[in-house]
Amino acid sequence: MAAEPSAKDKAWVIFDRIVGDAAPNGVHSNPWTRLSDGSLRYEADYDTLVLLLGVPLYLDADSRTGVPALAMDVWLSYELRRAGFDPDAVWPRPVHPRILPAPAANLLKALPFRERTQLNARLVKSAAVAGVTSASANILGKNYFKQVDVIMTDWATGPELLISTKRMDSSYGKNAANRVEESYGDAKNLRLRHPLAALGFVLGLRSDILHKEPDTAEWLVDLLSKLGREDDAYHATCIVIIEYDDSVAVPGDSGEDPEDPLVAAGLEPEPEVGVDLAGLPESDIDRALSLLPSVRLREDAMVDELSPNRFLASMVTQVLDVTPVNMHRQARERRRLAMASDTGVRRAGLPSGAKHED
């Protein structure tokens, strides 16, 4: 008898549909827009984010399942594809397997149709192929391995972008100090081995912290702002304020981080994970999407220095600034297109992985 799919298995199917609808046929909108003063602004797709954030609420998935934080991981990787980075190089990928090294992805594309179909079917059916695919990425820092939530890397370049995400929807006073201490240690560990990689940290907070524990909220904003300014810590930090009604909140959510520190540090093997439910009927996915609880972003409460728009602009710019001009051509082209015109550019898109001819 097949095992009951986990909350994360169910979430992936809905996540994939949401990002697939946001980029039909793999065509992503251009996130860059030109302001009246001639400068560029990154405009994140908040409509897609709020849909993704509704999935863990629909599934009654608490923090211990990892699904609330995964919603942000999926959105950040989607935004990096919008920015023009190779969809196979940005992990988690929008299809299973979520982590597939570039050489394996290139081999898959180069195979004749029959062999490619057979190999892809094997990859999709397997939860993970040891040493090839995985559900998460562990990267060696200065002193220890660290599980990174969103990453862009290749053997030829090493890590180019590393983003860690955390969610706190309750028990703020209990968990806030631990989250900040962990993020600070992770920043030092990763930055010292990978000084040129764009390093970022994103914290998702439920909006009730603003009236339940305003001092904790103020403390978190202050510390994350400082973490994003230090030369040897993060290049950018971000706080996303998430609002939803108590009636859809997951009961008994402790706010505890599900990450096993021994697994994250590479001291224990990653546990076996389920395979995505690719066979879930479309009607079931449609029903889930129609029943997603309403989620809102409190943009009025988000500090500009820690906003998603500023964060994503900083991460993309850092990657492009430290790589040769012949790398990440589509990402560069998207910024150039936005600079060339201030009308009708932002919604234009290129297929994922497509090359624009000059």
Protein backbone atom coordinates (compact mmCIF):
# COMPACT_ATOMS: atom_id res chain seq x y z
CA MET A 1 0.00 0.00 0.00
CA ALA A 2 1.36 3.42 -0.98
CA ALA A 3 2.31 5.73 1.86
CA GLU A 4 0.05 8.68 2.57
CA PRO A 5 1.54 11.71 0.83
CA SER A 6 3.06 14.24 3.17
CA ALA A 7 1.98 17.87 3.45
CA LYS A 8 5.09 18.83 1.49
CA ASP A 9 4.21 16.38 -1.31
CA LYS A 10 0.75 17.90 -1.58
CA ALA A 11 2.10 21.43 -1.39
CA TRP A 12 4.56 20.92 -4.25
CA VAL A 13 1.78 19.99 -6.67
CA ILE A 14 -0.14 23.18 -5.90
CA PHE A 15 3.02 25.32 -5.84
CA ASP A 16 3.97 24.04 -9.31
CA ARG A 17 0.57 24.89 -10.71
CA ILE A 18 0.70 28.42 -9.27
CA VAL A 19 4.13 29.25 -10.70
CA GLY A 20 3.22 27.49 -13.95
CA ASP A 21 0.16 29.72 -14.32
CA ALA A 22 2.29 32.77 -13.52
CA ALA A 23 4.71 31.88 -16.35
CA PRO A 24 2.61 30.19 -19.06
CA ASN A 25 4.70 28.07 -21.45
CA GLY A 26 7.77 29.05 -19.43
CA VAL A 27 7.49 32.74 -20.35
CA HIS A 28 8.21 34.99 -17.38
CA SER A 29 7.35 38.67 -17.13
CA ASN A 30 10.21 41.14 -16.84
CA PRO A 31 10.49 42.35 -13.21
CA TRP A 32 12.46 45.49 -14.06
CA THR A 33 10.80 48.82 -14.75
CA ARG A 34 12.30 52.23 -15.45
CA LEU A 35 11.37 55.09 -13.14
CA SER A 36 10.85 58.68 -14.20
CA ASP A 37 14.33 59.63 -12.96
CA GLY A 38 15.90 57.01 -15.25
CA SER A 39 16.73 54.52 -12.50
CA LEU A 40 15.64 50.87 -12.48
CA ARG A 41 13.23 49.37 -9.98
CA TYR A 42 12.62 45.69 -9.36
CA GLU A 43 8.89 44.97 -9.03
CA ALA A 44 8.27 41.61 -7.42
CA ASP A 45 5.21 39.56 -8.31
CA TYR A 46 3.27 39.85 -5.05
CA ASP A 47 0.13 38.33 -6.60
CA THR A 48 1.95 35.02 -7.02
CA LEU A 49 3.49 35.26 -3.56
CA VAL A 50 0.14 35.58 -1.77
CA LEU A 51 -1.20 32.54 -3.62
CA LEU A 52 1.81 30.49 -2.57
CA LEU A 53 1.48 31.69 1.02
CA GLY A 54 -2.12 30.48 1.05
CA VAL A 55 -1.13 26.87 0.33
CA PRO A 56 0.16 25.91 3.82
CA LEU A 57 -2.98 27.47 5.33
CA TYR A 58 -5.19 25.44 2.97
CA LEU A 59 -3.31 22.25 3.90
CA ASP A 60 -3.26 23.05 7.65
CA ALA A 61 0.52 22.61 7.43
CA ASP A 62 2.30 24.04 10.45
CA SER A 63 5.90 25.22 10.71
CA ARG A 64 7.18 21.76 11.60
CA THR A 65 6.24 20.46 8.12
CA GLY A 66 8.49 23.02 6.47
CA VAL A 67 5.70 24.01 4.06
CA PRO A 68 5.26 27.65 5.23
CA ALA A 69 8.94 28.43 4.64
CA LEU A 70 8.92 26.38 1.42
CA ALA A 71 6.27 28.71 0.00
CA MET A 72 8.80 31.55 0.20
CA ASP A 73 11.57 29.39 -1.29
CA VAL A 74 9.37 28.57 -4.29
CA TRP A 75 8.55 32.25 -4.78
CA LEU A 76 12.16 33.42 -4.54
CA SER A 77 13.32 30.83 -7.09
CA TYR A 78 10.44 31.90 -9.35
CA GLU A 79 11.53 35.54 -9.03
CA LEU A 80 15.09 34.64 -9.97
CA ARG A 81 13.75 32.98 -13.12
CA ARG A 82 11.76 36.17 -13.79
CA ALA A 83 15.04 38.05 -13.49
CA GLY A 84 16.41 35.94 -16.34
CA PHE A 85 18.57 33.31 -14.65
CA ASP A 86 18.68 29.77 -16.04
CA PRO A 87 15.70 27.82 -14.59
CA ASP A 88 17.82 24.68 -14.22
CA ALA A 89 20.53 26.58 -12.34
CA VAL A 90 18.15 28.11 -9.78
CA TRP A 91 17.14 25.64 -7.07
CA PRO A 92 14.52 24.61 -6.16
CA ARG A 93 13.59 23.98 -9.79
CA PRO A 94 9.96 24.34 -10.89
CA VAL A 95 9.78 20.60 -11.55
CA HIS A 96 10.93 17.42 -9.83
CA PRO A 97 13.80 16.75 -9.16
CA ARG A 98 14.10 20.06 -7.34
CA ILE A 99 17.90 19.98 -7.38
CA LEU A 100 19.59 18.78 -10.54
CA PRO A 101 23.24 19.74 -11.16
CA ALA A 102 23.88 21.66 -14.38
CA PRO A 103 25.99 18.88 -16.00
CA ALA A 104 23.15 16.40 -15.46
CA ALA A 105 20.59 18.89 -16.80
CA ASN A 106 22.76 19.57 -19.87
CA LEU A 107 23.23 15.84 -20.46
CA LEU A 108 19.49 15.35 -20.29
CA LYS A 109 18.91 18.08 -22.90
CA ALA A 110 21.60 16.67 -25.22
CA LEU A 111 20.29 13.10 -25.32
CA PRO A 112 18.17 11.86 -28.23
CA PHE A 113 14.43 12.00 -27.54
CA ARG A 114 14.02 8.33 -26.62
CA GLU A 115 16.94 8.20 -24.19
CA ARG A 116 16.01 11.60 -22.76
CA THR A 117 12.46 10.43 -22.10
CA GLN A 118 13.65 7.25 -20.39
CA LEU A 119 16.18 9.02 -18.18
CA ASN A 120 13.77 11.79 -17.26
CA ALA A 121 11.13 9.21 -16.32
CA ARG A 122 13.62 7.54 -14.00
CA LEU A 123 14.57 10.84 -12.38
CA VAL A 124 10.94 11.81 -11.85
CA LYS A 125 9.99 8.45 -10.32
CA SER A 126 12.85 8.47 -7.83
CA ALA A 127 12.67 10.50 -4.64
CA ALA A 128 16.40 11.15 -5.08
CA VAL A 129 19.34 9.64 -6.96
CA ALA A 130 22.31 9.52 -4.60
CA GLY A 131 25.00 11.97 -5.62
CA VAL A 132 22.91 13.41 -8.47
CA THR A 133 19.52 14.75 -7.37
CA SER A 134 18.22 15.91 -4.03
CA ALA A 135 15.38 17.71 -2.27
CA SER A 136 17.70 20.23 -0.62
CA ALA A 137 21.20 21.65 -1.05
CA ASN A 138 24.01 21.51 1.49
CA ILE A 139 26.91 23.88 0.82
CA LEU A 140 30.27 23.84 2.57
CA GLY A 141 30.97 27.07 4.44
CA LYS A 142 34.21 28.06 6.15
CA ASN A 143 33.85 25.47 8.90
CA TYR A 144 30.75 23.34 8.27
CA PHE A 145 28.09 22.41 5.75
CA LYS A 146 24.92 24.48 5.68
CA GLN A 147 21.59 23.65 4.14
CA VAL A 148 20.66 26.55 1.86
CA ASP A 149 17.04 27.11 0.83
CA VAL A 150 17.47 28.90 -2.50
CA ILE A 151 20.68 28.59 -4.46
CA MET A 152 22.27 29.13 -7.85
CA THR A 153 25.47 27.22 -8.47
CA ASP A 154 27.56 25.25 -10.96
CA TRP A 155 30.79 23.31 -10.67
CA ALA A 156 32.56 25.82 -12.97
CA THR A 157 31.60 28.88 -10.91
CA GLY A 158 30.87 27.60 -7.44
CA PRO A 159 27.90 29.10 -5.60
CA GLU A 160 26.77 32.38 -7.14
CA LEU A 161 23.70 33.02 -4.99
CA LEU A 162 22.70 31.69 -1.56
CA ILE A 163 19.45 32.61 0.21
CA SER A 164 18.28 31.32 3.59
CA THR A 165 14.62 31.68 4.57
CA LYS A 166 12.80 31.46 7.90
CA ARG A 167 9.15 31.78 8.93
CA MET A 168 7.70 32.82 12.26
CA ASP A 169 3.93 32.83 12.55
CA SER A 170 3.72 32.51 16.34
CA SER A 171 5.78 32.31 19.56
CA TYR A 172 7.84 35.30 18.46
CA GLY A 173 9.54 36.02 21.76
CA LYS A 174 10.47 32.37 22.12
CA ASN A 175 11.96 31.97 18.65
CA ALA A 176 13.21 35.40 17.54
CA ALA A 177 16.59 35.33 19.26
CA ASN A 178 17.35 31.83 17.99
CA ARG A 179 16.49 32.76 14.39
CA VAL A 180 18.72 35.84 14.46
CA GLU A 181 21.65 34.01 16.09
CA GLU A 182 21.38 31.20 13.53
CA SER A 183 21.23 33.62 10.62
CA TYR A 184 24.25 35.56 11.87
CA GLY A 185 26.33 32.39 12.26
CA ASP A 186 25.26 31.09 8.87
CA ALA A 187 26.19 34.38 7.21
CA LYS A 188 29.72 34.29 8.61
CA ASN A 189 30.18 30.61 7.77
CA LEU A 190 29.06 30.96 4.15
CA ARG A 191 30.50 34.40 3.38
CA LEU A 192 33.99 33.48 4.51
CA ARG A 193 34.21 30.59 2.02
CA HIS A 194 32.17 32.21 -0.77
CA PRO A 195 32.88 35.95 -0.53
CA LEU A 196 31.64 36.80 -4.03
CA ALA A 197 28.38 34.83 -3.89
CA ALA A 198 25.25 36.93 -3.40
CA LEU A 199 24.23 36.05 0.15
CA GLY A 200 20.76 36.86 1.44
CA PHE A 201 18.36 36.18 4.30
CA VAL A 202 14.55 36.42 4.16
CA LEU A 203 12.29 36.28 7.23
CA GLY A 204 8.54 35.83 6.93
CA LEU A 205 6.55 37.24 9.87
CA ARG A 206 2.83 37.07 10.53
CA SER A 207 1.45 40.58 10.92
CA ASP A 208 -0.01 39.96 14.40
CA ILE A 209 3.50 40.43 15.77
CA LEU A 210 2.96 44.17 15.19
CA HIS A 211 0.35 44.38 17.95
CA LYS A 212 1.09 41.26 20.01
CA GLU A 213 4.85 41.82 20.40
CA PRO A 214 5.75 45.22 18.88
CA ASP A 215 9.05 45.37 20.76
CA THR A 216 10.12 42.05 19.25
CA ALA A 217 9.11 43.27 15.79
CA GLU A 218 11.14 46.46 16.22
CA TRP A 219 14.13 44.45 17.46
CA LEU A 220 14.00 42.11 14.47
CA VAL A 221 13.79 44.99 11.99
CA ASP A 222 16.77 46.69 13.60
CA LEU A 223 18.96 43.57 13.70
CA LEU A 224 18.17 42.43 10.16
CA SER A 225 18.82 45.92 8.85
CA LYS A 226 22.26 45.83 10.47
CA LEU A 227 22.95 42.31 9.17
CA GLY A 228 22.39 43.60 5.63
CA ARG A 229 24.92 46.41 6.07
CA GLU A 230 27.90 44.46 7.42
CA ASP A 231 30.75 43.85 4.98
CA ASP A 232 31.25 40.26 6.10
CA ALA A 233 27.61 39.20 6.51
CA TYR A 234 24.66 39.33 4.10
CA HIS A 235 24.54 41.40 0.94
CA ALA A 236 20.83 41.91 1.55
CA THR A 237 18.18 40.99 4.11
CA CYS A 238 14.39 41.06 3.92
CA ILE A 239 11.33 40.88 6.15
CA VAL A 240 7.97 39.94 4.59
CA ILE A 241 4.94 40.86 6.72
CA ILE A 242 2.15 38.34 6.07
CA GLU A 243 -1.45 38.95 7.14
CA TYR A 244 -4.23 36.36 7.33
CA ASP A 245 -7.29 35.84 9.51
CA ASP A 246 -7.27 33.84 12.74
CA SER A 247 -10.02 31.66 11.27
CA VAL A 248 -7.55 30.12 8.78
CA ALA A 249 -4.52 29.99 11.09
CA VAL A 250 -3.13 26.52 11.70
CA PRO A 251 -4.13 25.53 15.25
CA GLY A 252 -1.35 24.65 17.64
CA ASP A 253 1.46 25.86 15.39
CA SER A 254 4.45 26.18 17.71
CA GLY A 255 6.51 28.17 15.24
CA GLU A 256 9.38 25.74 15.74
CA ASP A 257 11.91 25.41 12.95
CA PRO A 258 11.68 21.92 11.36
CA GLU A 259 15.29 21.91 10.22
CA ASP A 260 17.41 19.20 11.80
CA PRO A 261 20.72 20.93 12.65
CA LEU A 262 22.70 17.70 12.23
CA VAL A 263 21.28 17.13 8.74
CA ALA A 264 21.81 20.79 7.83
CA ALA A 265 25.44 20.57 8.93
CA GLY A 266 26.05 17.41 6.90
CA LEU A 267 26.54 15.19 9.95
CA GLU A 268 23.57 12.95 9.17
CA PRO A 269 22.12 11.88 5.82
CA GLU A 270 19.09 13.68 4.51
CA PRO A 271 15.93 11.68 5.26
CA GLU A 272 14.11 10.01 2.38
CA VAL A 273 11.47 12.24 0.87
CA GLY A 274 8.34 11.46 -1.07
CA VAL A 275 8.00 11.84 -4.80
CA ASP A 276 5.85 14.65 -6.18
CA LEU A 277 2.25 13.70 -6.88
CA ALA A 278 2.46 14.28 -10.61
CA GLY A 279 -0.66 12.19 -11.13
CA LEU A 280 -2.95 14.33 -8.96
CA PRO A 281 -6.05 15.13 -11.05
CA GLU A 282 -6.21 18.65 -12.43
CA SER A 283 -9.67 18.99 -10.93
CA ASP A 284 -8.23 18.47 -7.44
CA ILE A 285 -5.64 21.18 -8.04
CA ASP A 286 -8.32 23.51 -9.42
CA ARG A 287 -10.39 22.91 -6.31
CA ALA A 288 -7.43 23.62 -4.03
CA LEU A 289 -6.71 26.89 -5.84
CA SER A 290 -10.34 27.98 -5.57
CA LEU A 291 -10.30 27.34 -1.82
CA LEU A 292 -6.98 28.98 -0.93
CA PRO A 293 -7.40 31.22 2.13
CA SER A 294 -6.95 34.93 1.59
CA VAL A 295 -3.46 36.20 2.39
CA ARG A 296 -2.34 39.83 2.24
CA LEU A 297 1.05 41.49 2.35
CA ARG A 298 1.37 44.41 4.75
CA GLU A 299 3.45 46.60 2.46
CA ASP A 300 2.71 49.56 4.72
CA ALA A 301 4.48 47.80 7.57
CA MET A 302 7.50 46.61 5.56
CA VAL A 303 10.59 48.81 5.93
CA ASP A 304 11.95 49.91 2.54
CA GLU A 305 15.48 48.81 3.45
CA LEU A 306 14.13 45.27 4.04
CA SER A 307 11.52 45.15 1.26
CA PRO A 308 11.35 42.23 -1.20
CA ASN A 309 11.83 44.61 -4.14
CA ARG A 310 15.04 46.01 -2.76
CA PHE A 311 16.23 42.58 -1.65
CA LEU A 312 15.75 40.96 -5.06
CA ALA A 313 17.31 43.91 -6.87
CA SER A 314 20.38 43.68 -4.62
CA MET A 315 20.76 39.92 -5.09
CA VAL A 316 20.45 40.06 -8.88
CA THR A 317 22.80 43.04 -9.13
CA GLN A 318 25.42 41.37 -6.94
CA VAL A 319 25.47 38.28 -9.18
CA LEU A 320 25.78 40.34 -12.36
CA ASP A 321 28.38 42.73 -10.95
CA VAL A 322 30.88 39.96 -10.12
CA THR A 323 30.52 37.87 -13.29
CA PRO A 324 31.78 38.50 -16.86
CA VAL A 325 29.42 40.19 -19.27
CA ASN A 326 29.10 37.01 -21.35
CA MET A 327 27.47 35.19 -18.42
CA HIS A 328 23.77 35.45 -17.47
CA ARG A 329 22.98 37.14 -20.77
CA GLN A 330 19.22 36.98 -20.39
CA ALA A 331 19.33 38.57 -16.93
CA ARG A 332 21.43 41.40 -18.33
CA GLU A 333 19.15 41.74 -21.35
CA ARG A 334 16.07 42.13 -19.18
CA ARG A 335 17.61 45.07 -17.36
CA ARG A 336 18.74 46.57 -20.68
CA LEU A 337 15.23 46.27 -22.14
CA ALA A 338 13.77 48.05 -19.13
CA MET A 339 16.32 50.87 -19.45
CA ALA A 340 15.58 51.24 -23.17
CA SER A 341 11.91 52.06 -22.64
CA ASP A 342 9.61 53.04 -19.82
CA THR A 343 6.41 51.79 -21.44
CA GLY A 344 5.21 48.29 -22.26
CA VAL A 345 8.42 46.64 -21.11
CA ARG A 346 7.78 45.17 -17.68
CA ARG A 347 5.17 42.63 -18.73
CA ALA A 348 7.14 41.48 -21.76
CA GLY A 349 8.87 38.18 -21.27
CA LEU A 350 11.25 35.66 -22.73
CA PRO A 351 10.91 31.89 -22.43
CA SER A 352 12.88 30.41 -19.56
CA GLY A 353 16.38 29.67 -20.83
CA ALA A 354 15.81 31.55 -24.11
CA LYS A 355 18.58 33.67 -25.55
CA HIS A 356 17.81 37.12 -26.90
CA GLU A 357 19.63 37.99 -30.09
CA ASP A 358 21.16 41.46 -30.15
